[in-house]
Amino acid sequence: MNLKLVESLAEIINNLTPEEKQALGIMVNFIDDNNKSENQSWHEFIENTYGSIKDETFTRHPQGNFEQRELF
């Protein structure tokens, strides 16, 4: 466990307004809900739907060219 990180997070949380703490609580619960086993079945959904379109005229159109970006 990274105690410095935990202490930093605790300091940040302690400085939040009540409204910010409530929003954070909702977000944390949302993340916890996504980690429940019944919500992990999206992998199965992808596995079952990949390649399921049998229409041979269904195609992916050209995506164009990516712009050249400066490297970080």
N, C-alpha and C. Protein backbone atom coordinates (compact mmCIF):
# COMPACT_ATOMS: atom_id res chain seq x y z
N MET A 1 0.84 -1.16 0.00
CA MET A 1 0.00 0.00 0.00
C MET A 1 0.90 1.24 0.00
N ASN A 2 0.53 2.21 -0.81
CA ASN A 2 1.28 3.45 -0.91
C ASN A 2 0.68 4.45 0.08
N LEU A 3 1.27 4.54 1.26
CA LEU A 3 0.73 5.41 2.31
C LEU A 3 0.80 6.89 1.93
N LYS A 4 1.82 7.29 1.20
CA LYS A 4 1.90 8.69 0.77
C LYS A 4 0.73 9.04 -0.13
N LEU A 5 0.39 8.13 -1.02
CA LEU A 5 -0.74 8.36 -1.91
C LEU A 5 -2.03 8.44 -1.12
N VAL A 6 -2.22 7.53 -0.17
CA VAL A 6 -3.43 7.52 0.66
C VAL A 6 -3.53 8.82 1.45
N GLU A 7 -2.42 9.25 2.02
CA GLU A 7 -2.42 10.50 2.79
C GLU A 7 -2.75 11.69 1.88
N SER A 8 -2.20 11.70 0.69
CA SER A 8 -2.49 12.79 -0.25
C SER A 8 -3.96 12.81 -0.63
N LEU A 9 -4.51 11.63 -0.91
CA LEU A 9 -5.93 11.54 -1.25
C LEU A 9 -6.80 11.98 -0.08
N ALA A 10 -6.44 11.58 1.12
CA ALA A 10 -7.21 11.97 2.30
C ALA A 10 -7.20 13.48 2.46
N GLU A 11 -6.06 14.11 2.24
CA GLU A 11 -5.97 15.56 2.35
C GLU A 11 -6.86 16.25 1.31
N ILE A 12 -6.82 15.73 0.08
CA ILE A 12 -7.66 16.29 -0.98
C ILE A 12 -9.13 16.14 -0.61
N ILE A 13 -9.52 14.95 -0.18
CA ILE A 13 -10.92 14.69 0.16
C ILE A 13 -11.37 15.57 1.32
N ASN A 14 -10.51 15.75 2.31
CA ASN A 14 -10.87 16.58 3.46
C ASN A 14 -11.05 18.04 3.08
N ASN A 15 -10.50 18.48 1.97
CA ASN A 15 -10.64 19.86 1.53
C ASN A 15 -11.80 20.07 0.55
N LEU A 16 -12.53 19.02 0.24
CA LEU A 16 -13.66 19.14 -0.68
C LEU A 16 -14.86 19.75 0.03
N THR A 17 -15.71 20.41 -0.75
CA THR A 17 -16.97 20.92 -0.22
C THR A 17 -17.92 19.74 -0.02
N PRO A 18 -18.97 19.91 0.76
CA PRO A 18 -19.94 18.81 0.92
C PRO A 18 -20.52 18.34 -0.42
N GLU A 19 -20.76 19.28 -1.32
CA GLU A 19 -21.31 18.90 -2.63
C GLU A 19 -20.31 18.06 -3.42
N GLU A 20 -19.03 18.44 -3.36
CA GLU A 20 -17.99 17.69 -4.06
C GLU A 20 -17.83 16.30 -3.45
N LYS A 21 -17.93 16.22 -2.12
CA LYS A 21 -17.83 14.91 -1.46
C LYS A 21 -19.00 14.02 -1.87
N GLN A 22 -20.19 14.60 -1.98
CA GLN A 22 -21.35 13.82 -2.40
C GLN A 22 -21.15 13.31 -3.84
N ALA A 23 -20.67 14.19 -4.73
CA ALA A 23 -20.43 13.78 -6.12
C ALA A 23 -19.36 12.69 -6.18
N LEU A 24 -18.32 12.84 -5.38
CA LEU A 24 -17.27 11.82 -5.33
C LEU A 24 -17.83 10.49 -4.84
N GLY A 25 -18.68 10.55 -3.82
CA GLY A 25 -19.29 9.32 -3.30
C GLY A 25 -20.12 8.61 -4.35
N ILE A 26 -20.84 9.39 -5.16
CA ILE A 26 -21.65 8.79 -6.23
C ILE A 26 -20.73 8.15 -7.27
N MET A 27 -19.64 8.84 -7.61
CA MET A 27 -18.72 8.30 -8.61
C MET A 27 -18.03 7.04 -8.10
N VAL A 28 -17.64 7.03 -6.86
CA VAL A 28 -16.98 5.85 -6.29
C VAL A 28 -17.94 4.67 -6.28
N ASN A 29 -19.19 4.90 -5.91
CA ASN A 29 -20.17 3.82 -5.93
C ASN A 29 -20.42 3.34 -7.34
N PHE A 30 -20.41 4.25 -8.31
CA PHE A 30 -20.60 3.86 -9.70
C PHE A 30 -19.46 2.96 -10.15
N ILE A 31 -18.24 3.31 -9.78
CA ILE A 31 -17.10 2.48 -10.14
C ILE A 31 -17.21 1.11 -9.48
N ASP A 32 -17.59 1.08 -8.20
CA ASP A 32 -17.76 -0.20 -7.51
C ASP A 32 -18.82 -1.06 -8.20
N ASP A 33 -19.93 -0.43 -8.65
CA ASP A 33 -20.98 -1.17 -9.33
C ASP A 33 -20.47 -1.80 -10.62
N ASN A 34 -19.58 -1.10 -11.33
CA ASN A 34 -19.05 -1.63 -12.58
C ASN A 34 -18.12 -2.80 -12.36
N ASN A 35 -17.58 -2.94 -11.16
CA ASN A 35 -16.67 -4.03 -10.88
C ASN A 35 -17.36 -5.28 -10.35
N LYS A 36 -18.68 -5.22 -10.16
CA LYS A 36 -19.41 -6.40 -9.68
C LYS A 36 -19.45 -7.44 -10.79
N SER A 37 -19.50 -8.69 -10.38
CA SER A 37 -19.42 -9.78 -11.35
C SER A 37 -20.56 -9.76 -12.36
N GLU A 38 -21.76 -9.34 -11.96
CA GLU A 38 -22.88 -9.34 -12.92
C GLU A 38 -22.70 -8.28 -14.00
N ASN A 39 -21.84 -7.29 -13.77
CA ASN A 39 -21.58 -6.27 -14.77
C ASN A 39 -20.33 -6.57 -15.59
N GLN A 40 -19.70 -7.68 -15.36
CA GLN A 40 -18.50 -8.04 -16.09
C GLN A 40 -18.83 -8.81 -17.37
N SER A 41 -20.09 -9.04 -17.65
CA SER A 41 -20.47 -9.87 -18.79
C SER A 41 -20.35 -9.15 -20.13
N TRP A 42 -19.89 -7.90 -20.16
CA TRP A 42 -19.76 -7.22 -21.45
C TRP A 42 -18.71 -7.89 -22.31
N HIS A 43 -17.74 -8.56 -21.71
CA HIS A 43 -16.77 -9.33 -22.50
C HIS A 43 -17.50 -10.43 -23.27
N GLU A 44 -18.42 -11.08 -22.60
CA GLU A 44 -19.21 -12.11 -23.26
C GLU A 44 -20.05 -11.51 -24.36
N PHE A 45 -20.63 -10.33 -24.12
CA PHE A 45 -21.44 -9.66 -25.14
C PHE A 45 -20.61 -9.40 -26.39
N ILE A 46 -19.40 -8.88 -26.21
CA ILE A 46 -18.54 -8.61 -27.36
C ILE A 46 -18.20 -9.91 -28.09
N GLU A 47 -17.85 -10.93 -27.34
CA GLU A 47 -17.52 -12.21 -27.95
C GLU A 47 -18.70 -12.76 -28.77
N ASN A 48 -19.92 -12.57 -28.27
CA ASN A 48 -21.10 -13.10 -28.94
C ASN A 48 -21.55 -12.26 -30.13
N THR A 49 -21.23 -10.97 -30.13
CA THR A 49 -21.70 -10.11 -31.22
C THR A 49 -20.66 -9.90 -32.31
N TYR A 50 -19.38 -10.09 -31.99
CA TYR A 50 -18.33 -9.89 -32.99
C TYR A 50 -18.56 -10.83 -34.17
N GLY A 51 -18.65 -10.26 -35.35
CA GLY A 51 -18.83 -11.06 -36.56
C GLY A 51 -20.24 -11.57 -36.75
N SER A 52 -21.21 -11.05 -36.02
CA SER A 52 -22.56 -11.58 -36.09
C SER A 52 -23.38 -11.02 -37.25
N ILE A 53 -22.89 -9.99 -37.93
CA ILE A 53 -23.61 -9.42 -39.07
C ILE A 53 -23.32 -10.28 -40.29
N LYS A 54 -24.36 -10.90 -40.80
CA LYS A 54 -24.20 -11.85 -41.92
C LYS A 54 -24.39 -11.19 -43.28
N ASP A 55 -24.81 -9.92 -43.30
CA ASP A 55 -25.04 -9.20 -44.55
C ASP A 55 -23.69 -8.89 -45.21
N GLU A 56 -23.44 -9.51 -46.37
CA GLU A 56 -22.14 -9.32 -47.03
C GLU A 56 -21.97 -7.91 -47.59
N THR A 57 -23.06 -7.15 -47.73
CA THR A 57 -22.95 -5.79 -48.25
C THR A 57 -22.61 -4.80 -47.13
N PHE A 58 -22.63 -5.26 -45.90
CA PHE A 58 -22.28 -4.41 -44.75
C PHE A 58 -20.76 -4.28 -44.71
N THR A 59 -20.27 -3.06 -44.89
CA THR A 59 -18.84 -2.85 -44.90
C THR A 59 -18.47 -1.63 -44.05
N ARG A 60 -17.23 -1.60 -43.67
CA ARG A 60 -16.71 -0.42 -42.98
C ARG A 60 -16.19 0.52 -44.04
N HIS A 61 -16.68 1.73 -44.02
CA HIS A 61 -16.26 2.72 -45.01
C HIS A 61 -14.85 3.21 -44.71
N PRO A 62 -14.17 3.74 -45.71
CA PRO A 62 -12.82 4.27 -45.48
C PRO A 62 -12.83 5.31 -44.36
N GLN A 63 -11.81 5.27 -43.53
CA GLN A 63 -11.75 6.13 -42.37
C GLN A 63 -10.94 7.40 -42.60
N GLY A 64 -10.33 7.54 -43.76
CA GLY A 64 -9.54 8.73 -44.03
C GLY A 64 -8.16 8.62 -43.40
N ASN A 65 -7.44 9.71 -43.43
CA ASN A 65 -6.08 9.73 -42.91
C ASN A 65 -6.05 10.48 -41.59
N PHE A 66 -5.22 10.00 -40.68
CA PHE A 66 -5.03 10.70 -39.43
C PHE A 66 -4.13 11.90 -39.65
N GLU A 67 -4.41 12.97 -38.93
CA GLU A 67 -3.53 14.12 -39.02
C GLU A 67 -2.20 13.80 -38.35
N GLN A 68 -1.16 14.38 -38.85
CA GLN A 68 0.16 14.19 -38.25
C GLN A 68 0.26 15.10 -37.02
N ARG A 69 0.53 14.51 -35.88
CA ARG A 69 0.62 15.29 -34.66
C ARG A 69 2.05 15.31 -34.14
N GLU A 70 2.33 16.35 -33.39
CA GLU A 70 3.64 16.48 -32.79
C GLU A 70 3.79 15.45 -31.67
N LEU A 71 4.94 14.79 -31.60
CA LEU A 71 5.19 13.82 -30.56
C LEU A 71 5.38 14.52 -29.22
N PHE A 72 5.02 13.86 -28.16
CA PHE A 72 5.22 14.43 -26.83
C PHE A 72 6.68 14.43 -26.46
